[in-house]
Amino acid sequence: MPLLAQDIIPKGHFHKDSVKIGEELPYSIWVRYPKDKDVAFPDSLFDFSPFELDKREYYTTKTDSLESLDSAVYYFSTFEVDTVQYLQLPIFLINEFDSVVLLTGIDSIILNHVVTQIPDSIAVLVNTNYQKVSLAFNYPYFTIGLIIFLVVALIVFLVFGKHIKKAIKVFWVSRRHKKFIKLFELLLQDNPIEVEHTLSVWKRYLEKLLSQPYTKMTTKEIIALSDDNLFADHLKNIDLYIYGGDRSADMSVEFDSLLQFGIAKYHDKIKKIKNG
């Protein structure tokens, strides 16, 4: 008997129970559905908050006499500081004239805090006091207002669309940069394991910022992208600390050089967006 829409239950789960800030986090999603139907998984435009999508891997559809099976693996990272973070994803069952949204179960991941105390400057205060609101709602006025808003928005977009796109891109690049700065200043650098993790966070940030595979590059390849000999020396000293057992270098000084390199690349990126 063919599956009905209410019988199609997407599945999704993280591949591990805990994760560090900025660390790659795989998440598998799959669904069985009637072979005469089509499904669509969330793409890069979907809001995966509190997670950020790094990449996706789709697998070939498997079909038997009645059903098809689609699956994919999403690779996320998180820069939020909540101890427990949750994710529930939709799968869209495509019909002739519309689509049905099917949700996976909610899965959670525990954030492994490298830093045990967050400074007051980035603490988030939440007002949980109950606020009474009016239940009355004027739908005709709302509809008219919405139509006017959409018309004005369309006119503004047609006239200023290019500038708006640039402004949006600058906003998201700046938002990611601010998160990176806060996180980078909090990461520990007391032992080779934490130093390696801090270096990994720095590489992942540059990889997203510049669309270059920093996480797969060797130190020699990264140095080749920069003409700064002093920066090259700092990067080599970090490698010696992690892999060579040389503890003579001050990691705070070495990583400050990497931070300044990232800040410079950020400003170059913003300038490129605005002039593009």
Protein backbone atom coordinates (compact mmCIF):
# COMPACT_ATOMS: atom_id res chain seq x y z
CA MET A 1 0.00 0.00 0.00
CA PRO A 2 1.46 3.43 -0.93
CA LEU A 3 2.49 5.75 1.90
CA LEU A 4 0.21 8.70 2.68
CA ALA A 5 1.69 12.13 3.47
CA GLN A 6 0.98 11.66 7.19
CA ASP A 7 2.84 8.33 7.08
CA ILE A 8 6.03 9.86 5.64
CA ILE A 9 8.31 10.62 8.59
CA PRO A 10 11.69 12.24 7.86
CA LYS A 11 14.55 11.31 10.16
CA GLY A 12 17.46 13.47 11.20
CA HIS A 13 20.22 13.33 13.81
CA PHE A 14 23.65 14.67 14.69
CA HIS A 15 26.60 12.31 14.34
CA LYS A 16 27.89 13.08 17.85
CA ASP A 17 26.63 14.21 21.25
CA SER A 18 28.79 17.29 21.83
CA VAL A 19 30.71 19.87 19.83
CA LYS A 20 33.11 22.77 20.35
CA ILE A 21 32.46 26.27 19.07
CA GLY A 22 33.50 26.48 15.41
CA GLU A 23 33.99 22.70 15.10
CA GLU A 24 32.52 20.84 12.12
CA LEU A 25 29.29 19.03 13.03
CA PRO A 26 27.78 16.43 10.62
CA TYR A 27 24.00 15.94 10.60
CA SER A 28 22.27 13.17 8.60
CA ILE A 29 18.75 13.48 7.20
CA TRP A 30 16.76 10.91 5.24
CA VAL A 31 13.18 10.06 4.22
CA ARG A 32 11.21 7.26 2.55
CA TYR A 33 8.33 8.30 0.30
CA PRO A 34 6.17 6.94 -2.59
CA LYS A 35 8.30 6.54 -5.71
CA ASP A 36 5.84 8.59 -7.81
CA LYS A 37 6.44 11.65 -5.61
CA ASP A 38 9.33 14.10 -5.35
CA VAL A 39 10.92 15.61 -2.27
CA ALA A 40 13.25 18.55 -1.70
CA PHE A 41 15.71 19.08 1.15
CA PRO A 42 16.56 22.53 2.63
CA ASP A 43 19.12 24.44 0.57
CA SER A 44 21.74 27.02 1.54
CA LEU A 45 19.09 29.79 1.72
CA PHE A 46 17.31 28.07 4.62
CA ASP A 47 17.81 29.53 8.11
CA PHE A 48 19.56 26.78 10.11
CA SER A 49 19.92 28.94 13.26
CA PRO A 50 21.64 28.56 15.69
CA PHE A 51 23.85 26.62 13.28
CA GLU A 52 25.68 27.81 10.17
CA LEU A 53 25.81 25.60 7.10
CA ASP A 54 29.32 24.83 5.83
CA LYS A 55 28.52 22.30 3.10
CA ARG A 56 26.11 19.53 2.04
CA GLU A 57 26.46 16.04 0.56
CA TYR A 58 23.48 14.51 -1.26
CA TYR A 59 23.26 10.78 -1.98
CA THR A 60 21.72 9.07 -5.00
CA THR A 61 18.03 8.23 -4.63
CA LYS A 62 17.37 4.53 -3.97
CA THR A 63 14.08 3.14 -5.30
CA ASP A 64 12.32 -0.21 -5.03
CA SER A 65 8.92 -1.29 -6.37
CA LEU A 66 6.99 1.03 -4.03
CA GLU A 67 9.22 3.57 -2.32
CA SER A 68 12.18 5.87 -2.81
CA LEU A 69 14.81 6.76 -0.22
CA ASP A 70 16.60 10.12 -0.26
CA SER A 71 19.35 11.09 2.15
CA ALA A 72 21.93 13.79 2.72
CA VAL A 73 24.57 14.90 5.21
CA TYR A 74 24.76 18.55 6.27
CA TYR A 75 27.94 19.90 7.85
CA PHE A 76 27.26 22.67 10.36
CA SER A 77 29.24 24.80 12.77
CA THR A 78 28.00 26.93 15.63
CA PHE A 79 29.33 30.12 17.16
CA GLU A 80 26.52 30.48 19.71
CA VAL A 81 27.27 29.90 23.42
CA ASP A 82 24.08 28.11 24.54
CA THR A 83 24.97 24.90 26.37
CA VAL A 84 22.27 22.86 24.58
CA GLN A 85 21.35 23.69 20.97
CA TYR A 86 18.49 22.18 18.96
CA LEU A 87 17.78 21.48 15.31
CA GLN A 88 14.67 20.38 13.42
CA LEU A 89 14.67 20.41 9.62
CA PRO A 90 11.83 20.34 7.08
CA ILE A 91 11.55 18.14 4.02
CA PHE A 92 9.21 19.31 1.26
CA LEU A 93 6.93 16.74 -0.39
CA ILE A 94 6.24 18.14 -3.86
CA ASN A 95 2.70 17.81 -5.20
CA GLU A 96 1.33 18.98 -8.54
CA PHE A 97 0.31 22.46 -7.40
CA ASP A 98 1.89 22.86 -3.95
CA SER A 99 4.13 21.17 -1.43
CA VAL A 100 3.70 19.64 2.02
CA VAL A 101 6.20 20.40 4.78
CA LEU A 102 7.31 17.35 6.74
CA LEU A 103 9.48 17.84 9.84
CA THR A 104 12.19 15.68 11.32
CA GLY A 105 12.27 15.06 15.04
CA ILE A 106 14.13 17.58 17.17
CA ASP A 107 17.73 16.59 17.89
CA SER A 108 20.05 18.36 20.31
CA ILE A 109 23.78 18.84 20.71
CA ILE A 110 25.71 19.80 23.84
CA LEU A 111 28.23 22.63 23.48
CA ASN A 112 31.57 21.67 24.97
CA HIS A 113 32.63 24.98 26.51
CA VAL A 114 36.36 25.53 26.17
CA VAL A 115 35.91 28.73 28.18
CA THR A 116 34.19 28.16 31.53
CA GLN A 117 33.35 31.80 32.24
CA ILE A 118 31.91 34.33 29.80
CA PRO A 119 32.75 38.02 30.40
CA ASP A 120 29.88 40.31 31.42
CA SER A 121 30.37 42.29 28.20
CA ILE A 122 28.86 39.49 26.13
CA ALA A 123 26.34 38.13 28.61
CA VAL A 124 22.80 38.08 27.25
CA LEU A 125 19.99 39.33 29.45
CA VAL A 126 16.54 37.94 28.78
CA ASN A 127 13.33 39.53 30.01
CA THR A 128 10.96 36.69 30.89
CA ASN A 129 8.25 38.87 32.44
CA TYR A 130 4.78 38.25 31.03
CA GLN A 131 3.55 41.12 28.87
CA LYS A 132 -0.18 41.39 28.25
CA VAL A 133 -1.09 42.21 24.64
CA SER A 134 -4.37 43.04 22.96
CA LEU A 135 -6.11 40.23 21.10
CA ALA A 136 -7.98 42.55 18.71
CA PHE A 137 -6.64 42.54 15.16
CA ASN A 138 -7.90 44.51 12.16
CA TYR A 139 -7.38 42.18 9.18
CA PRO A 140 -8.67 44.54 6.41
CA TYR A 141 -6.24 47.29 7.48
CA PHE A 142 -3.50 44.74 7.81
CA THR A 143 -4.14 43.45 4.26
CA ILE A 144 -4.17 46.96 2.79
CA GLY A 145 -1.03 47.88 4.70
CA LEU A 146 0.69 44.69 3.56
CA ILE A 147 -0.14 45.37 -0.12
CA ILE A 148 1.16 48.95 0.17
CA PHE A 149 4.30 47.71 1.87
CA LEU A 150 4.95 45.08 -0.84
CA VAL A 151 4.45 47.62 -3.64
CA VAL A 152 6.81 50.11 -1.99
CA ALA A 153 9.32 47.34 -1.26
CA LEU A 154 9.22 46.23 -4.92
CA ILE A 155 9.79 49.80 -6.14
CA VAL A 156 12.65 50.29 -3.68
CA PHE A 157 14.22 46.98 -4.70
CA LEU A 158 14.01 47.81 -8.42
CA VAL A 159 15.61 51.21 -7.85
CA PHE A 160 18.10 50.34 -5.14
CA GLY A 161 18.34 46.55 -5.53
CA LYS A 162 22.08 46.44 -6.17
CA HIS A 163 22.85 48.66 -3.18
CA ILE A 164 20.50 46.65 -0.97
CA LYS A 165 22.19 43.38 -1.95
CA LYS A 166 25.58 44.88 -1.11
CA ALA A 167 24.30 46.18 2.22
CA ILE A 168 22.86 42.77 3.12
CA LYS A 169 26.09 41.02 2.20
CA VAL A 170 28.13 43.54 4.23
CA PHE A 171 25.78 42.98 7.19
CA TRP A 172 26.25 39.20 7.20
CA VAL A 173 30.01 39.37 6.66
CA SER A 174 30.30 41.93 9.49
CA ARG A 175 28.08 39.84 11.78
CA ARG A 176 30.20 36.73 11.22
CA HIS A 177 33.38 38.79 11.78
CA LYS A 178 32.15 40.17 15.12
CA LYS A 179 31.32 36.64 16.29
CA PHE A 180 34.76 35.46 15.23
CA ILE A 181 36.53 38.29 17.12
CA LYS A 182 34.60 37.58 20.34
CA LEU A 183 35.21 33.84 20.09
CA PHE A 184 38.89 34.12 19.13
CA GLU A 185 39.64 36.31 22.14
CA LEU A 186 38.03 33.75 24.46
CA LEU A 187 39.71 30.59 23.17
CA LEU A 188 42.39 29.04 25.38
CA GLN A 189 45.97 28.59 24.22
CA ASP A 190 47.49 26.74 27.17
CA ASN A 191 48.36 23.41 25.56
CA PRO A 192 48.90 21.90 22.08
CA ILE A 193 45.31 20.57 21.86
CA GLU A 194 43.71 23.95 22.55
CA VAL A 195 46.25 25.74 20.34
CA GLU A 196 45.37 23.38 17.49
CA HIS A 197 41.63 24.03 18.06
CA THR A 198 42.19 27.80 18.04
CA LEU A 199 44.14 27.51 14.80
CA SER A 200 41.30 25.42 13.32
CA VAL A 201 38.71 28.10 14.22
CA TRP A 202 40.91 30.74 12.55
CA LYS A 203 41.24 28.63 9.39
CA ARG A 204 37.50 27.94 9.21
CA TYR A 205 36.73 31.65 9.51
CA LEU A 206 39.13 32.56 6.69
CA GLU A 207 37.77 29.72 4.56
CA LYS A 208 34.24 31.17 4.77
CA LEU A 209 35.41 34.77 4.42
CA LEU A 210 37.64 34.26 1.38
CA SER A 211 36.09 31.11 -0.17
CA GLN A 212 39.49 29.42 -0.14
CA PRO A 213 40.14 25.97 1.38
CA TYR A 214 42.20 27.13 4.37
CA THR A 215 41.21 24.09 6.46
CA LYS A 216 42.80 21.81 3.87
CA MET A 217 45.93 23.93 3.30
CA THR A 218 49.33 23.24 4.81
CA THR A 219 51.20 25.98 6.63
CA LYS A 220 53.46 26.34 3.59
CA GLU A 221 50.46 26.86 1.29
CA ILE A 222 48.92 29.47 3.61
CA ILE A 223 52.22 31.35 3.84
CA ALA A 224 52.41 31.36 0.02
CA LEU A 225 49.21 33.46 -0.02
CA SER A 226 50.86 36.19 2.06
CA ASP A 227 53.93 38.33 1.39
CA ASP A 228 54.32 39.13 5.10
CA ASN A 229 57.46 37.39 6.39
CA LEU A 230 56.62 38.24 10.01
CA PHE A 231 53.18 36.60 9.66
CA ALA A 232 54.90 33.53 8.18
CA ASP A 233 57.23 33.30 11.21
CA HIS A 234 54.27 33.44 13.62
CA LEU A 235 52.47 30.65 11.75
CA LYS A 236 55.61 28.49 11.79
CA ASN A 237 56.02 29.06 15.54
CA ILE A 238 52.46 27.82 16.13
CA ASP A 239 53.22 24.68 14.12
CA LEU A 240 56.38 24.09 16.15
CA TYR A 241 54.37 24.47 19.37
CA ILE A 242 51.71 21.95 18.26
CA TYR A 243 53.80 19.37 16.42
CA GLY A 244 57.43 20.06 17.27
CA GLY A 245 57.27 20.25 21.06
CA ASP A 246 58.81 23.75 21.08
CA ARG A 247 57.18 25.69 23.95
CA SER A 248 59.46 28.74 23.79
CA ALA A 249 57.09 30.96 21.79
CA ASP A 250 54.37 33.07 23.44
CA MET A 251 51.14 31.82 21.85
CA SER A 252 49.24 35.02 22.70
CA VAL A 253 51.71 36.96 20.53
CA GLU A 254 51.61 34.40 17.72
CA PHE A 255 47.80 34.29 17.61
CA ASP A 256 47.54 38.07 17.78
CA SER A 257 49.38 38.09 14.45
CA LEU A 258 46.83 35.63 13.02
CA LEU A 259 43.98 37.76 14.39
CA GLN A 260 45.36 40.89 12.73
CA PHE A 261 45.74 38.94 9.47
CA GLY A 262 42.07 37.91 9.67
CA ILE A 263 40.98 41.50 10.44
CA ALA A 264 42.93 42.80 7.44
CA LYS A 265 41.33 40.19 5.16
CA TYR A 266 37.90 41.17 6.53
CA HIS A 267 38.44 44.83 5.62
CA ASP A 268 39.64 43.78 2.15
CA LYS A 269 36.46 41.72 1.74
CA ILE A 270 34.20 44.61 2.80
CA LYS A 271 35.98 46.96 0.38
CA LYS A 272 35.61 44.41 -2.43
CA ILE A 273 31.87 44.04 -1.77
CA LYS A 274 31.27 47.80 -1.73
CA ASN A 275 33.28 48.37 -4.92
CA GLY A 276 31.90 45.32 -6.71
